[in-house]
Structures are given as structure tokens and as C-alpha cells.
Amino acid sequence: MRRKIEILAIVLAALLMNACTSVQKLKNIKVTSATVESLTPTGLRSLKGTFLLGIDNPAMQFTAEDIYGTIYWKGEEFGDFTVDPITIQGRKSAVYELSAAASVRPEVSLLQLASLLKNYDLADFTADVNVTVKLKSGVGKAIALKGLNLKDLLC
């Protein structure tokens, strides 16, 4: 009986060490590329898009879901967006296709929108992003990223 307990303790210690190593590797996840694949207007104030996102993930597999946020133009709220859930494979570098939808806030006039489309700079846009990250085991955590510059992400 004592031998079984010792073996169980060794197995648990090995699992904990592996989990700690994988958690440390989460900090090493990198976005290697981001490009706009397509943008399709779905009305005067909204559009759908497909993006290609390169991710180098040395950690375990995870799923990003409940992805949504706010887009700001020169510090003012401009629009809202949602992104479909995506599963990022573990211990792999790959390019993933993201589907997203965005809409302009009602307080942004169509005249402002038309002038912006004529002469815009991505450096003027930032975004706040909320995402829930879940591991394969089902354990999850909500993450909020504030003030992400869109030019840095997409260029």
C-alpha cells in the first residue's frame, strides 16, 4: 500500500511540474503575423472581415472565446466588434483564420464616417479587447487588453 502511495505522489509531482512548465510557456506565446484577408460591408455602419493571424504557441492548446471589444478613433469610441471563437493548437507555430464583425457606434455620423474612409491613418485607432481563454481541460480565465494600437497589430 505504501508503495502505491509513493508512486501516486511521484506521478502527481511530475504532473504538477509539467503544468507549471506549461503555464510558464504561456508567457512566450507570440503573434508572428496579422493580415486582413477580406472585408465585406454588411450595411452603411457595419462590416464583416476575415483575418489571418500567425501564432507561435510553445504552450498547451487553448481556446479563445467570448472575444469582443471597442474600437477607438483618436481616443473617442468609434465602434464595437466581435470575433468568432478559435482554438490555438499547442506546441505549434501556425496561421489561423479569424472571422470578425464590427459596427460603427450610432453617435458617429455618416459624414464623419465618409471623411474618415477618404483619409484615415491606422495609428489613430486603438482597441480594448476582452477574451476568455480556456485550456483543453476546461479551466478558463477572462482577460482584458486595453489600448491596443491597430497599426501595431495589422502592419
C-alpha atoms as a PDB file:
ATOM      1  CA  MET A   1       0.000   0.000   0.000  1.00  0.00           C
ATOM      2  CA  ARG A   2       2.822   2.365   0.910  1.00  0.00           C
ATOM      3  CA  ARG A   3       4.470   1.663  -2.455  1.00  0.00           C
ATOM      4  CA  LYS A   4       1.253   2.673  -4.288  1.00  0.00           C
ATOM      5  CA  ILE A   5       1.111   5.949  -2.363  1.00  0.00           C
ATOM      6  CA  GLU A   6       4.748   6.696  -3.236  1.00  0.00           C
ATOM      7  CA  ILE A   7       4.087   6.015  -6.923  1.00  0.00           C
ATOM      8  CA  LEU A   8       0.966   8.200  -6.831  1.00  0.00           C
ATOM      9  CA  ALA A   9       2.954  11.023  -5.171  1.00  0.00           C
ATOM     10  CA  ILE A  10       5.672  10.797  -7.842  1.00  0.00           C
ATOM     11  CA  VAL A  11       3.072  10.871 -10.638  1.00  0.00           C
ATOM     12  CA  LEU A  12       1.316  13.885  -9.071  1.00  0.00           C
ATOM     13  CA  ALA A  13       4.638  15.708  -8.644  1.00  0.00           C
ATOM     14  CA  ALA A  14       5.505  15.047 -12.304  1.00  0.00           C
ATOM     15  CA  LEU A  15       2.091  16.328 -13.432  1.00  0.00           C
ATOM     16  CA  LEU A  16       2.433  19.481 -11.332  1.00  0.00           C
ATOM     17  CA  MET A  17       5.918  20.154 -12.698  1.00  0.00           C
ATOM     18  CA  ASN A  18       4.616  19.687 -16.256  1.00  0.00           C
ATOM     19  CA  ALA A  19       1.676  22.034 -15.573  1.00  0.00           C
ATOM     20  CA  CYS A  20       3.987  24.690 -14.108  1.00  0.00           C
ATOM     21  CA  THR A  21       6.288  24.446 -17.129  1.00  0.00           C
ATOM     22  CA  SER A  22       3.310  24.801 -19.499  1.00  0.00           C
ATOM     23  CA  VAL A  23       1.994  27.818 -17.578  1.00  0.00           C
ATOM     24  CA  GLN A  24       5.441  29.465 -17.858  1.00  0.00           C
ATOM     25  CA  LYS A  25       5.354  28.836 -21.616  1.00  0.00           C
ATOM     26  CA  LEU A  26       2.055  30.762 -21.895  1.00  0.00           C
ATOM     27  CA  LYS A  27       4.077  33.944 -21.468  1.00  0.00           C
ATOM     28  CA  ASN A  28       6.116  33.018 -24.560  1.00  0.00           C
ATOM     29  CA  ILE A  29       3.171  32.930 -26.991  1.00  0.00           C
ATOM     30  CA  LYS A  30       3.856  35.346 -29.854  1.00  0.00           C
ATOM     31  CA  VAL A  31       1.800  36.811 -32.670  1.00  0.00           C
ATOM     32  CA  THR A  32       4.062  36.374 -35.693  1.00  0.00           C
ATOM     33  CA  SER A  33       1.841  37.967 -38.345  1.00  0.00           C
ATOM     34  CA  ALA A  34      -1.534  39.623 -38.826  1.00  0.00           C
ATOM     35  CA  THR A  35      -3.139  40.433 -42.165  1.00  0.00           C
ATOM     36  CA  VAL A  36      -6.555  41.405 -43.431  1.00  0.00           C
ATOM     37  CA  GLU A  37      -7.804  38.672 -45.759  1.00  0.00           C
ATOM     38  CA  SER A  38     -11.150  40.257 -46.647  1.00  0.00           C
ATOM     39  CA  LEU A  39     -13.585  42.984 -45.587  1.00  0.00           C
ATOM     40  CA  THR A  40     -17.225  42.956 -46.658  1.00  0.00           C
ATOM     41  CA  PRO A  41     -19.686  45.757 -45.865  1.00  0.00           C
ATOM     42  CA  THR A  42     -22.941  44.481 -44.353  1.00  0.00           C
ATOM     43  CA  GLY A  43     -24.657  47.854 -44.302  1.00  0.00           C
ATOM     44  CA  LEU A  44     -23.737  51.529 -44.011  1.00  0.00           C
ATOM     45  CA  ARG A  45     -22.470  51.116 -40.467  1.00  0.00           C
ATOM     46  CA  SER A  46     -21.136  47.553 -40.247  1.00  0.00           C
ATOM     47  CA  LEU A  47     -18.827  45.049 -41.900  1.00  0.00           C
ATOM     48  CA  LYS A  48     -17.563  41.501 -41.627  1.00  0.00           C
ATOM     49  CA  GLY A  49     -13.956  40.543 -42.059  1.00  0.00           C
ATOM     50  CA  THR A  50     -11.575  37.647 -42.230  1.00  0.00           C
ATOM     51  CA  PHE A  51      -8.081  37.989 -40.795  1.00  0.00           C
ATOM     52  CA  LEU A  52      -5.063  35.708 -40.886  1.00  0.00           C
ATOM     53  CA  LEU A  53      -3.215  35.583 -37.586  1.00  0.00           C
ATOM     54  CA  GLY A  54       0.138  33.844 -37.225  1.00  0.00           C
ATOM     55  CA  ILE A  55       0.728  32.493 -33.719  1.00  0.00           C
ATOM     56  CA  ASP A  56       3.758  30.735 -32.261  1.00  0.00           C
ATOM     57  CA  ASN A  57       2.454  28.759 -29.280  1.00  0.00           C
ATOM     58  CA  PRO A  58       5.091  26.835 -27.284  1.00  0.00           C
ATOM     59  CA  ALA A  59       2.480  26.068 -24.595  1.00  0.00           C
ATOM     60  CA  MET A  60      -0.525  23.772 -24.459  1.00  0.00           C
ATOM     61  CA  GLN A  61      -3.653  24.022 -26.646  1.00  0.00           C
ATOM     62  CA  PHE A  62      -6.225  26.653 -25.677  1.00  0.00           C
ATOM     63  CA  THR A  63      -9.433  28.156 -26.998  1.00  0.00           C
ATOM     64  CA  ALA A  64     -10.135  31.886 -27.163  1.00  0.00           C
ATOM     65  CA  GLU A  65     -13.854  32.609 -26.937  1.00  0.00           C
ATOM     66  CA  ASP A  66     -16.231  35.427 -25.998  1.00  0.00           C
ATOM     67  CA  ILE A  67     -13.951  37.789 -27.927  1.00  0.00           C
ATOM     68  CA  TYR A  68     -15.373  41.297 -28.160  1.00  0.00           C
ATOM     69  CA  GLY A  69     -14.319  44.880 -27.699  1.00  0.00           C
ATOM     70  CA  THR A  70     -14.485  48.551 -28.521  1.00  0.00           C
ATOM     71  CA  ILE A  71     -12.604  50.428 -31.233  1.00  0.00           C
ATOM     72  CA  TYR A  72     -11.471  53.998 -30.547  1.00  0.00           C
ATOM     73  CA  TRP A  73     -10.557  56.662 -33.078  1.00  0.00           C
ATOM     74  CA  LYS A  74      -8.366  59.451 -31.677  1.00  0.00           C
ATOM     75  CA  GLY A  75      -9.474  58.432 -28.176  1.00  0.00           C
ATOM     76  CA  GLU A  76     -13.228  58.564 -28.872  1.00  0.00           C
ATOM     77  CA  GLU A  77     -15.461  55.481 -29.017  1.00  0.00           C
ATOM     78  CA  PHE A  78     -15.907  54.609 -32.671  1.00  0.00           C
ATOM     79  CA  GLY A  79     -17.327  51.097 -32.895  1.00  0.00           C
ATOM     80  CA  ASP A  80     -17.729  47.639 -31.429  1.00  0.00           C
ATOM     81  CA  PHE A  81     -16.566  44.251 -32.658  1.00  0.00           C
ATOM     82  CA  THR A  82     -16.882  40.534 -32.023  1.00  0.00           C
ATOM     83  CA  VAL A  83     -14.648  37.667 -33.132  1.00  0.00           C
ATOM     84  CA  ASP A  84     -15.663  34.029 -33.532  1.00  0.00           C
ATOM     85  CA  PRO A  85     -14.060  31.544 -31.101  1.00  0.00           C
ATOM     86  CA  ILE A  86     -10.778  29.978 -32.171  1.00  0.00           C
ATOM     87  CA  THR A  87      -8.707  27.049 -30.937  1.00  0.00           C
ATOM     88  CA  ILE A  88      -4.929  27.530 -30.927  1.00  0.00           C
ATOM     89  CA  GLN A  89      -3.006  24.273 -31.243  1.00  0.00           C
ATOM     90  CA  GLY A  90      -0.408  23.520 -28.593  1.00  0.00           C
ATOM     91  CA  ARG A  91       3.335  23.428 -29.216  1.00  0.00           C
ATOM     92  CA  LYS A  92       2.927  24.656 -32.763  1.00  0.00           C
ATOM     93  CA  SER A  93       3.502  27.680 -34.949  1.00  0.00           C
ATOM     94  CA  ALA A  94       0.605  28.174 -37.373  1.00  0.00           C
ATOM     95  CA  VAL A  95      -1.583  30.696 -39.184  1.00  0.00           C
ATOM     96  CA  TYR A  96      -5.224  30.841 -38.072  1.00  0.00           C
ATOM     97  CA  GLU A  97      -8.222  32.346 -39.840  1.00  0.00           C
ATOM     98  CA  LEU A  98     -10.334  34.667 -37.695  1.00  0.00           C
ATOM     99  CA  SER A  99     -13.846  35.784 -38.591  1.00  0.00           C
ATOM    100  CA  ALA A 100     -14.989  39.080 -37.128  1.00  0.00           C
ATOM    101  CA  ALA A 101     -17.854  41.551 -37.327  1.00  0.00           C
ATOM    102  CA  ALA A 102     -17.719  45.250 -36.498  1.00  0.00           C
ATOM    103  CA  SER A 103     -20.209  48.080 -36.383  1.00  0.00           C
ATOM    104  CA  VAL A 104     -19.873  51.833 -36.043  1.00  0.00           C
ATOM    105  CA  ARG A 105     -21.446  53.414 -32.974  1.00  0.00           C
ATOM    106  CA  PRO A 106     -24.689  55.366 -33.588  1.00  0.00           C
ATOM    107  CA  GLU A 107     -23.131  58.622 -32.344  1.00  0.00           C
ATOM    108  CA  VAL A 108     -20.651  58.565 -35.262  1.00  0.00           C
ATOM    109  CA  SER A 109     -22.310  60.446 -38.121  1.00  0.00           C
ATOM    110  CA  LEU A 110     -22.265  59.172 -41.689  1.00  0.00           C
ATOM    111  CA  LEU A 111     -20.452  62.388 -42.689  1.00  0.00           C
ATOM    112  CA  GLN A 112     -17.672  61.609 -40.179  1.00  0.00           C
ATOM    113  CA  LEU A 113     -17.524  58.054 -41.479  1.00  0.00           C
ATOM    114  CA  ALA A 114     -17.258  59.195 -45.115  1.00  0.00           C
ATOM    115  CA  SER A 115     -14.453  61.658 -44.341  1.00  0.00           C
ATOM    116  CA  LEU A 116     -12.632  59.023 -42.308  1.00  0.00           C
ATOM    117  CA  LEU A 117     -12.782  56.460 -45.134  1.00  0.00           C
ATOM    118  CA  LYS A 118     -11.331  59.046 -47.504  1.00  0.00           C
ATOM    119  CA  ASN A 119      -8.317  59.870 -45.338  1.00  0.00           C
ATOM    120  CA  TYR A 120      -7.519  57.567 -42.408  1.00  0.00           C
ATOM    121  CA  ASP A 121      -4.435  56.509 -40.509  1.00  0.00           C
ATOM    122  CA  LEU A 122      -4.411  53.214 -38.577  1.00  0.00           C
ATOM    123  CA  ALA A 123      -2.208  54.884 -35.949  1.00  0.00           C
ATOM    124  CA  ASP A 124      -5.303  56.863 -34.874  1.00  0.00           C
ATOM    125  CA  PHE A 125      -7.163  53.660 -33.952  1.00  0.00           C
ATOM    126  CA  THR A 126      -6.885  51.706 -30.713  1.00  0.00           C
ATOM    127  CA  ALA A 127      -8.967  48.878 -29.295  1.00  0.00           C
ATOM    128  CA  ASP A 128      -9.942  47.421 -25.960  1.00  0.00           C
ATOM    129  CA  VAL A 129     -10.279  43.633 -26.246  1.00  0.00           C
ATOM    130  CA  ASN A 130     -11.971  41.180 -23.886  1.00  0.00           C
ATOM    131  CA  VAL A 131     -11.422  37.448 -24.312  1.00  0.00           C
ATOM    132  CA  THR A 132     -11.977  34.293 -22.310  1.00  0.00           C
ATOM    133  CA  VAL A 133      -9.136  31.807 -22.659  1.00  0.00           C
ATOM    134  CA  LYS A 134      -9.914  28.168 -21.872  1.00  0.00           C
ATOM    135  CA  LEU A 135      -7.483  25.297 -21.653  1.00  0.00           C
ATOM    136  CA  LYS A 136      -8.311  21.885 -23.054  1.00  0.00           C
ATOM    137  CA  SER A 137      -9.192  20.792 -19.510  1.00  0.00           C
ATOM    138  CA  GLY A 138     -11.952  23.435 -19.369  1.00  0.00           C
ATOM    139  CA  VAL A 139     -10.202  25.778 -16.931  1.00  0.00           C
ATOM    140  CA  GLY A 140     -10.611  29.343 -18.153  1.00  0.00           C
ATOM    141  CA  LYS A 141      -9.767  32.969 -17.421  1.00  0.00           C
ATOM    142  CA  ALA A 142     -11.180  36.242 -18.697  1.00  0.00           C
ATOM    143  CA  ILE A 143      -8.542  38.658 -19.984  1.00  0.00           C
ATOM    144  CA  ALA A 144      -8.933  42.371 -20.794  1.00  0.00           C
ATOM    145  CA  LEU A 145      -6.400  44.136 -23.020  1.00  0.00           C
ATOM    146  CA  LYS A 146      -6.676  47.923 -23.131  1.00  0.00           C
ATOM    147  CA  GLY A 147      -5.387  50.476 -25.632  1.00  0.00           C
ATOM    148  CA  LEU A 148      -4.011  48.120 -28.305  1.00  0.00           C
ATOM    149  CA  ASN A 149      -2.818  50.143 -31.303  1.00  0.00           C
ATOM    150  CA  LEU A 150      -4.316  48.720 -34.512  1.00  0.00           C
ATOM    151  CA  LYS A 151      -1.370  49.843 -36.623  1.00  0.00           C
ATOM    152  CA  ASP A 152       0.989  47.755 -34.483  1.00  0.00           C
ATOM    153  CA  LEU A 153      -1.310  44.743 -34.780  1.00  0.00           C
ATOM    154  CA  LEU A 154      -2.037  44.857 -38.506  1.00  0.00           C
ATOM    155  CA  CYS A 155       1.162  46.262 -40.023  1.00  0.00           C
END
